[in-house]
């Protein structure tokens, strides 16, 4: 399972990449594999306010519809419009062209509180974050 070392993760299987004072986010490889073939992504509206842990997007696959949760509080400043015509990018490249949105966080320090790659690997293998 691909868990890039330069990202942070939520227990709901979203990834976060801090880019200066912005946060790019999407769903992890683990999440997209559990969903199956993605057929639709409901993007958040640019300018919308997000609450950390609250729903910000929705991903529909051939198996189910799943909420995507905001990893941090803030304002959506950019969305990946390419997903409207090509939602399968979430499956093909979840950490690259399958990103969902960019958030201007209220507090950049919230990113540091998210799981690091080692903790996320434990989460998806059934262990608890921070356990040895």
N, C-alpha and C. Protein backbone atom coordinates (compact mmCIF):
# COMPACT_ATOMS: atom_id res chain seq x y z
N UNK A 1 0.84 -1.18 0.00
CA UNK A 1 0.00 0.00 0.00
C UNK A 1 0.89 1.24 0.00
N UNK A 2 0.66 2.15 -0.92
CA UNK A 2 1.46 3.35 -1.04
C UNK A 2 1.02 4.39 0.00
N UNK A 3 1.93 4.76 0.90
CA UNK A 3 1.71 5.79 1.90
C UNK A 3 2.91 6.75 1.81
N UNK A 4 2.81 7.78 0.96
CA UNK A 4 3.95 8.68 0.79
C UNK A 4 4.39 9.33 2.10
N UNK A 5 5.70 9.40 2.28
CA UNK A 5 6.28 9.92 3.52
C UNK A 5 6.16 11.43 3.68
N UNK A 6 5.89 12.15 2.60
CA UNK A 6 5.85 13.62 2.69
C UNK A 6 4.44 14.15 3.00
N UNK A 7 3.48 13.26 3.22
CA UNK A 7 2.10 13.68 3.47
C UNK A 7 1.70 13.43 4.92
N UNK A 8 0.58 14.04 5.34
CA UNK A 8 -0.06 13.78 6.63
C UNK A 8 -1.40 13.14 6.31
N UNK A 9 -2.00 12.46 7.30
CA UNK A 9 -3.19 11.65 7.05
C UNK A 9 -4.23 11.81 8.15
N UNK A 10 -5.49 11.60 7.79
CA UNK A 10 -6.56 11.57 8.78
C UNK A 10 -6.97 10.11 9.01
N UNK A 11 -7.64 9.86 10.10
CA UNK A 11 -8.14 8.51 10.37
C UNK A 11 -9.31 8.16 9.46
N UNK A 12 -9.84 9.16 8.74
CA UNK A 12 -10.91 8.92 7.76
C UNK A 12 -10.35 8.70 6.36
N UNK A 13 -9.02 8.59 6.25
CA UNK A 13 -8.33 8.23 5.02
C UNK A 13 -8.25 9.34 3.99
N UNK A 14 -8.08 10.57 4.47
CA UNK A 14 -7.73 11.68 3.60
C UNK A 14 -6.24 11.95 3.77
N UNK A 15 -5.62 12.44 2.71
CA UNK A 15 -4.22 12.86 2.80
C UNK A 15 -4.15 14.37 2.68
N UNK A 16 -3.06 14.93 3.20
CA UNK A 16 -2.86 16.38 3.22
C UNK A 16 -1.42 16.68 2.83
N UNK A 17 -1.26 17.67 1.96
CA UNK A 17 0.08 18.14 1.62
C UNK A 17 0.12 19.64 1.87
N UNK A 18 0.99 20.06 2.77
CA UNK A 18 1.14 21.48 3.08
C UNK A 18 2.01 22.12 2.02
N UNK A 19 1.46 23.15 1.36
CA UNK A 19 2.16 23.87 0.29
C UNK A 19 2.16 25.34 0.67
N UNK A 20 3.25 25.81 1.26
CA UNK A 20 3.34 27.16 1.82
C UNK A 20 2.25 27.31 2.89
N UNK A 21 1.28 28.17 2.66
CA UNK A 21 0.23 28.37 3.66
C UNK A 21 -1.10 27.76 3.20
N UNK A 22 -1.04 26.82 2.28
CA UNK A 22 -2.23 26.15 1.75
C UNK A 22 -2.12 24.65 1.98
N UNK A 23 -3.27 23.98 1.95
CA UNK A 23 -3.31 22.54 2.16
C UNK A 23 -4.02 21.90 0.97
N UNK A 24 -3.31 21.06 0.22
CA UNK A 24 -3.92 20.28 -0.86
C UNK A 24 -4.35 18.96 -0.25
N UNK A 25 -5.55 18.47 -0.60
CA UNK A 25 -6.02 17.23 0.01
C UNK A 25 -6.74 16.35 -0.99
N UNK A 26 -6.80 15.07 -0.63
CA UNK A 26 -7.50 14.08 -1.43
C UNK A 26 -7.73 12.85 -0.56
N UNK A 27 -8.13 11.75 -1.19
CA UNK A 27 -8.30 10.51 -0.44
C UNK A 27 -7.11 9.59 -0.70
N UNK A 28 -6.83 8.75 0.26
CA UNK A 28 -5.66 7.88 0.18
C UNK A 28 -5.88 6.70 -0.77
N UNK A 29 -4.78 6.05 -1.09
CA UNK A 29 -4.85 4.84 -1.91
C UNK A 29 -5.71 3.79 -1.21
N UNK A 30 -5.58 3.69 0.11
CA UNK A 30 -6.39 2.74 0.88
C UNK A 30 -7.88 3.02 0.67
N UNK A 31 -8.27 4.29 0.75
CA UNK A 31 -9.68 4.68 0.58
C UNK A 31 -10.18 4.39 -0.82
N UNK A 32 -9.41 4.75 -1.83
CA UNK A 32 -9.89 4.55 -3.20
C UNK A 32 -9.97 3.07 -3.54
N UNK A 33 -9.09 2.24 -2.96
CA UNK A 33 -9.18 0.80 -3.20
C UNK A 33 -10.43 0.22 -2.54
N UNK A 34 -10.77 0.72 -1.35
CA UNK A 34 -11.97 0.25 -0.66
C UNK A 34 -13.23 0.66 -1.43
N UNK A 35 -13.19 1.83 -2.05
CA UNK A 35 -14.35 2.32 -2.81
C UNK A 35 -14.57 1.56 -4.11
N UNK A 36 -13.50 1.19 -4.77
CA UNK A 36 -13.61 0.61 -6.11
C UNK A 36 -13.57 1.71 -7.15
N UNK A 37 -14.12 1.44 -8.32
CA UNK A 37 -14.04 2.39 -9.44
C UNK A 37 -14.85 3.64 -9.15
N UNK A 38 -14.17 4.78 -9.07
CA UNK A 38 -14.82 6.06 -8.82
C UNK A 38 -15.48 6.55 -10.10
N UNK A 39 -16.76 6.90 -9.99
CA UNK A 39 -17.53 7.34 -11.16
C UNK A 39 -17.99 8.79 -11.06
N UNK A 40 -17.89 9.39 -9.86
CA UNK A 40 -18.33 10.78 -9.68
C UNK A 40 -17.70 11.35 -8.42
N UNK A 41 -17.27 12.61 -8.51
CA UNK A 41 -16.75 13.32 -7.35
C UNK A 41 -17.50 14.64 -7.23
N UNK A 42 -18.17 14.83 -6.09
CA UNK A 42 -18.83 16.10 -5.82
C UNK A 42 -17.80 17.00 -5.15
N UNK A 43 -17.42 18.06 -5.84
CA UNK A 43 -16.39 18.97 -5.34
C UNK A 43 -17.02 20.02 -4.43
N UNK A 44 -16.27 20.48 -3.43
CA UNK A 44 -16.78 21.59 -2.62
C UNK A 44 -16.76 22.87 -3.45
N UNK A 45 -17.53 23.84 -3.05
CA UNK A 45 -17.55 25.12 -3.76
C UNK A 45 -16.37 25.98 -3.31
N UNK A 46 -15.71 26.61 -4.28
CA UNK A 46 -14.65 27.56 -3.94
C UNK A 46 -15.28 28.66 -3.10
N UNK A 47 -14.61 29.00 -2.01
CA UNK A 47 -15.12 30.02 -1.09
C UNK A 47 -15.90 29.45 0.08
N UNK A 48 -16.22 28.15 0.02
CA UNK A 48 -16.97 27.56 1.13
C UNK A 48 -16.06 27.39 2.34
N UNK A 49 -16.65 27.49 3.52
CA UNK A 49 -15.93 27.32 4.78
C UNK A 49 -16.06 25.87 5.23
N UNK A 50 -14.96 25.30 5.66
CA UNK A 50 -14.93 23.92 6.12
C UNK A 50 -14.64 23.85 7.61
N UNK A 51 -15.26 22.89 8.25
CA UNK A 51 -14.99 22.60 9.66
C UNK A 51 -14.17 21.32 9.69
N UNK A 52 -13.09 21.31 10.43
CA UNK A 52 -12.25 20.12 10.53
C UNK A 52 -13.08 18.92 10.96
N UNK A 53 -13.03 17.85 10.20
CA UNK A 53 -13.79 16.65 10.49
C UNK A 53 -15.19 16.65 9.90
N UNK A 54 -15.61 17.77 9.34
CA UNK A 54 -16.93 17.85 8.71
C UNK A 54 -16.85 17.46 7.25
N UNK A 55 -17.98 17.08 6.65
CA UNK A 55 -17.96 16.69 5.24
C UNK A 55 -17.59 17.86 4.34
N UNK A 56 -16.78 17.57 3.32
CA UNK A 56 -16.42 18.63 2.37
C UNK A 56 -16.63 18.20 0.93
N UNK A 57 -16.79 16.92 0.70
CA UNK A 57 -16.92 16.39 -0.65
C UNK A 57 -17.60 15.03 -0.56
N UNK A 58 -17.90 14.48 -1.72
CA UNK A 58 -18.50 13.16 -1.78
C UNK A 58 -17.91 12.42 -2.98
N UNK A 59 -17.61 11.15 -2.78
CA UNK A 59 -17.06 10.34 -3.85
C UNK A 59 -18.01 9.17 -4.08
N UNK A 60 -18.44 9.02 -5.32
CA UNK A 60 -19.35 7.92 -5.68
C UNK A 60 -18.58 6.91 -6.50
N UNK A 61 -18.73 5.65 -6.12
CA UNK A 61 -18.06 4.58 -6.86
C UNK A 61 -19.11 3.57 -7.30
N UNK A 62 -18.63 2.54 -7.97
CA UNK A 62 -19.54 1.47 -8.39
C UNK A 62 -20.06 0.69 -7.20
N UNK A 63 -19.40 0.83 -6.03
CA UNK A 63 -19.81 0.12 -4.82
C UNK A 63 -20.67 0.94 -3.88
N UNK A 64 -20.35 2.24 -3.72
CA UNK A 64 -21.02 3.05 -2.71
C UNK A 64 -20.78 4.53 -2.92
N UNK A 65 -21.39 5.32 -2.05
CA UNK A 65 -21.14 6.76 -1.99
C UNK A 65 -20.53 7.04 -0.62
N UNK A 66 -19.42 7.77 -0.60
CA UNK A 66 -18.73 8.05 0.66
C UNK A 66 -18.45 9.54 0.81
N UNK A 67 -18.62 10.03 2.03
CA UNK A 67 -18.24 11.40 2.33
C UNK A 67 -16.73 11.49 2.42
N UNK A 68 -16.22 12.65 2.05
CA UNK A 68 -14.82 13.00 2.25
C UNK A 68 -14.84 14.12 3.28
N UNK A 69 -14.01 14.01 4.30
CA UNK A 69 -14.04 14.94 5.42
C UNK A 69 -12.88 15.92 5.36
N UNK A 70 -13.15 17.15 5.78
CA UNK A 70 -12.13 18.19 5.80
C UNK A 70 -11.07 17.85 6.85
N UNK A 71 -9.82 17.82 6.46
CA UNK A 71 -8.76 17.51 7.42
C UNK A 71 -8.46 18.66 8.37
N UNK A 72 -8.75 19.88 7.93
CA UNK A 72 -8.52 21.09 8.73
C UNK A 72 -9.66 22.07 8.47
N UNK A 73 -9.83 23.02 9.38
CA UNK A 73 -10.81 24.09 9.19
C UNK A 73 -10.21 25.13 8.26
N UNK A 74 -11.05 25.73 7.43
CA UNK A 74 -10.55 26.78 6.55
C UNK A 74 -11.48 27.02 5.38
N UNK A 75 -10.97 27.73 4.39
CA UNK A 75 -11.74 28.10 3.21
C UNK A 75 -11.21 27.37 1.98
N UNK A 76 -12.11 26.85 1.17
CA UNK A 76 -11.73 26.21 -0.09
C UNK A 76 -11.31 27.30 -1.07
N UNK A 77 -10.08 27.22 -1.56
CA UNK A 77 -9.57 28.24 -2.48
C UNK A 77 -9.38 27.71 -3.91
N UNK A 78 -9.42 26.38 -4.06
CA UNK A 78 -9.25 25.78 -5.39
C UNK A 78 -9.84 24.37 -5.36
N UNK A 79 -10.43 23.96 -6.47
CA UNK A 79 -10.90 22.58 -6.60
C UNK A 79 -10.33 21.98 -7.88
N UNK A 80 -10.28 20.66 -7.92
CA UNK A 80 -9.73 19.95 -9.07
C UNK A 80 -10.85 19.72 -10.09
N UNK A 81 -11.07 20.70 -10.94
CA UNK A 81 -12.14 20.64 -11.95
C UNK A 81 -11.97 19.46 -12.90
N UNK A 82 -10.75 18.95 -13.06
CA UNK A 82 -10.52 17.81 -13.95
C UNK A 82 -11.31 16.58 -13.50
N UNK A 83 -11.65 16.50 -12.21
CA UNK A 83 -12.39 15.34 -11.70
C UNK A 83 -13.84 15.31 -12.18
N UNK A 84 -14.35 16.45 -12.63
CA UNK A 84 -15.73 16.49 -13.15
C UNK A 84 -15.84 15.58 -14.37
N UNK A 85 -14.89 15.71 -15.29
CA UNK A 85 -14.89 14.90 -16.51
C UNK A 85 -14.14 13.58 -16.36
N UNK A 86 -13.20 13.53 -15.41
CA UNK A 86 -12.36 12.34 -15.26
C UNK A 86 -12.25 11.92 -13.79
N UNK A 87 -13.36 11.49 -13.18
CA UNK A 87 -13.31 11.10 -11.77
C UNK A 87 -12.41 9.91 -11.51
N UNK A 88 -12.12 9.11 -12.52
CA UNK A 88 -11.26 7.94 -12.37
C UNK A 88 -9.83 8.31 -11.98
N UNK A 89 -9.47 9.60 -12.08
CA UNK A 89 -8.13 10.03 -11.66
C UNK A 89 -7.91 9.75 -10.18
N UNK A 90 -9.00 9.72 -9.40
CA UNK A 90 -8.89 9.39 -7.97
C UNK A 90 -8.34 7.98 -7.82
N UNK A 91 -8.74 7.05 -8.70
CA UNK A 91 -8.23 5.68 -8.67
C UNK A 91 -6.83 5.60 -9.28
N UNK A 92 -6.63 6.29 -10.37
CA UNK A 92 -5.39 6.17 -11.13
C UNK A 92 -4.19 6.83 -10.42
N UNK A 93 -4.44 7.95 -9.75
CA UNK A 93 -3.34 8.73 -9.16
C UNK A 93 -3.85 9.49 -7.94
N UNK A 94 -4.21 8.76 -6.85
CA UNK A 94 -4.84 9.41 -5.70
C UNK A 94 -3.99 10.50 -5.05
N UNK A 95 -2.66 10.38 -5.13
CA UNK A 95 -1.77 11.36 -4.50
C UNK A 95 -1.27 12.42 -5.47
N UNK A 96 -1.71 12.35 -6.71
CA UNK A 96 -1.29 13.31 -7.73
C UNK A 96 -2.48 13.97 -8.37
N UNK A 97 -2.79 13.57 -9.61
CA UNK A 97 -3.88 14.23 -10.35
C UNK A 97 -5.26 13.95 -9.78
N UNK A 98 -5.36 13.07 -8.78
CA UNK A 98 -6.65 12.77 -8.16
C UNK A 98 -6.95 13.61 -6.92
N UNK A 99 -6.18 14.67 -6.67
CA UNK A 99 -6.45 15.55 -5.53
C UNK A 99 -7.84 16.16 -5.66
N UNK A 100 -8.43 16.56 -4.54
CA UNK A 100 -9.80 17.08 -4.55
C UNK A 100 -9.86 18.59 -4.44
N UNK A 101 -9.20 19.17 -3.42
CA UNK A 101 -9.27 20.62 -3.27
C UNK A 101 -8.06 21.15 -2.53
N UNK A 102 -7.94 22.49 -2.54
CA UNK A 102 -6.92 23.21 -1.80
C UNK A 102 -7.65 24.09 -0.79
N UNK A 103 -7.16 24.06 0.45
CA UNK A 103 -7.79 24.79 1.55
C UNK A 103 -6.80 25.81 2.09
N UNK A 104 -7.30 27.03 2.36
CA UNK A 104 -6.54 28.01 3.13
C UNK A 104 -6.92 27.77 4.59
N UNK A 105 -6.05 27.10 5.36
CA UNK A 105 -6.43 26.71 6.71
C UNK A 105 -6.51 27.90 7.66
N UNK A 106 -7.42 27.81 8.63
CA UNK A 106 -7.50 28.83 9.67
C UNK A 106 -6.25 28.80 10.52
N UNK A 107 -5.69 27.61 10.73
CA UNK A 107 -4.50 27.43 11.56
C UNK A 107 -3.63 26.34 10.93
N UNK A 108 -2.54 26.75 10.32
CA UNK A 108 -1.64 25.80 9.65
C UNK A 108 -1.13 24.75 10.63
N UNK A 109 -1.06 25.07 11.91
CA UNK A 109 -0.56 24.13 12.92
C UNK A 109 -1.44 22.88 13.02
N UNK A 110 -2.70 22.96 12.57
CA UNK A 110 -3.58 21.78 12.59
C UNK A 110 -3.00 20.64 11.77
N UNK A 111 -2.23 20.95 10.74
CA UNK A 111 -1.66 19.92 9.88
C UNK A 111 -0.71 19.03 10.68
N UNK A 112 0.07 19.62 11.57
CA UNK A 112 1.04 18.85 12.36
C UNK A 112 0.35 17.86 13.29
N UNK A 113 -0.91 18.13 13.64
CA UNK A 113 -1.64 17.23 14.53
C UNK A 113 -2.18 15.99 13.82
N UNK A 114 -2.14 15.98 12.49
CA UNK A 114 -2.62 14.83 11.73
C UNK A 114 -1.58 13.71 11.79
N UNK A 115 -2.02 12.51 11.45
CA UNK A 115 -1.14 11.34 11.50
C UNK A 115 0.00 11.46 10.49
N UNK A 116 1.18 11.09 10.93
CA UNK A 116 2.30 10.97 10.03
C UNK A 116 2.22 9.65 9.28
N UNK A 117 3.11 9.41 8.33
CA UNK A 117 3.04 8.17 7.54
C UNK A 117 3.14 6.90 8.37
N UNK A 118 4.01 6.86 9.38
CA UNK A 118 4.15 5.64 10.19
C UNK A 118 2.86 5.36 10.96
N UNK A 119 2.27 6.41 11.54
CA UNK A 119 1.00 6.22 12.25
C UNK A 119 -0.11 5.79 11.29
N UNK A 120 -0.14 6.37 10.10
CA UNK A 120 -1.19 6.00 9.15
C UNK A 120 -1.02 4.55 8.71
N UNK A 121 0.21 4.10 8.52
CA UNK A 121 0.44 2.70 8.16
C UNK A 121 -0.11 1.77 9.25
N UNK A 122 0.08 2.17 10.53
CA UNK A 122 -0.49 1.37 11.63
C UNK A 122 -2.02 1.38 11.59
N UNK A 123 -2.61 2.54 11.28
CA UNK A 123 -4.07 2.65 11.20
C UNK A 123 -4.63 1.67 10.16
N UNK A 124 -4.04 1.67 8.97
CA UNK A 124 -4.60 0.82 7.90
C UNK A 124 -4.23 -0.64 8.06
N UNK A 125 -3.26 -0.93 8.93
CA UNK A 125 -2.94 -2.34 9.19
C UNK A 125 -3.66 -2.86 10.43
N UNK A 126 -4.52 -2.02 11.00
CA UNK A 126 -5.32 -2.45 12.14
C UNK A 126 -4.75 -2.08 13.49
N UNK A 127 -3.59 -1.43 13.50
CA UNK A 127 -3.01 -0.98 14.77
C UNK A 127 -3.53 0.38 15.14
N UNK A 128 -3.20 0.82 16.31
CA UNK A 128 -3.59 2.14 16.78
C UNK A 128 -2.48 3.15 16.49
N UNK A 129 -2.85 4.41 16.21
CA UNK A 129 -1.82 5.43 16.00
C UNK A 129 -0.96 5.55 17.26
N UNK A 130 0.34 5.67 17.07
CA UNK A 130 1.25 5.85 18.19
C UNK A 130 1.64 4.55 18.87
N UNK A 131 1.05 3.41 18.49
CA UNK A 131 1.41 2.13 19.12
C UNK A 131 2.68 1.60 18.49
N UNK A 132 3.38 0.78 19.20
CA UNK A 132 4.63 0.21 18.69
C UNK A 132 4.39 -1.11 18.00
